[in-house]
Amino acid sequence: QVQLVESGGGLAQPGGSLRLSCAASGFIFSNYAMGWFRQAPGKEREFVAGINREGSFTRYTDSVKGRFTISRDNAKMTLHLQMNSLKPEDTALYFCAKVKSEDAGTREMPYSYDSWGQGTQATVSA
């Protein structure tokens, strides 16, 4: 079955960096667009970044543009999120997710995804 396992979260100072990873198994990783979402306490889950199957197209929510970079290694079946210039408002539980359809490109709505990891916590605080 599909399995997504995130890692790399932790505590960072404002202005610092974290690199999240998501190890995928149970499906043909290179056939699906992938995404990163986050959820802060008391808030809805929000789209952070998405990447197409080949890794040639990416999209980001406005608040992370220029600071975060999504990438993928299809040979290693791994998704990454490099987070730089971190802000306290980036504090959240971060999830990776797989889109439902092989034909789909990047998607921003959670209902377009059918598999989720358990999340990794990123905390930005001095």
Foldseek 3Di string as FASTA:
>chain_A
DKAKAKDFADEAAQQAKIKMKIAIDDDQQLLWKKFKWWDDPPGDIWTAKIAFSVRPDMDGDPVQPPFKDWGDDSVRRMIMIIGGNDDQVVWTWMKMFTADDSPDGTDTDPVRTDDIHPTDTHGYHD
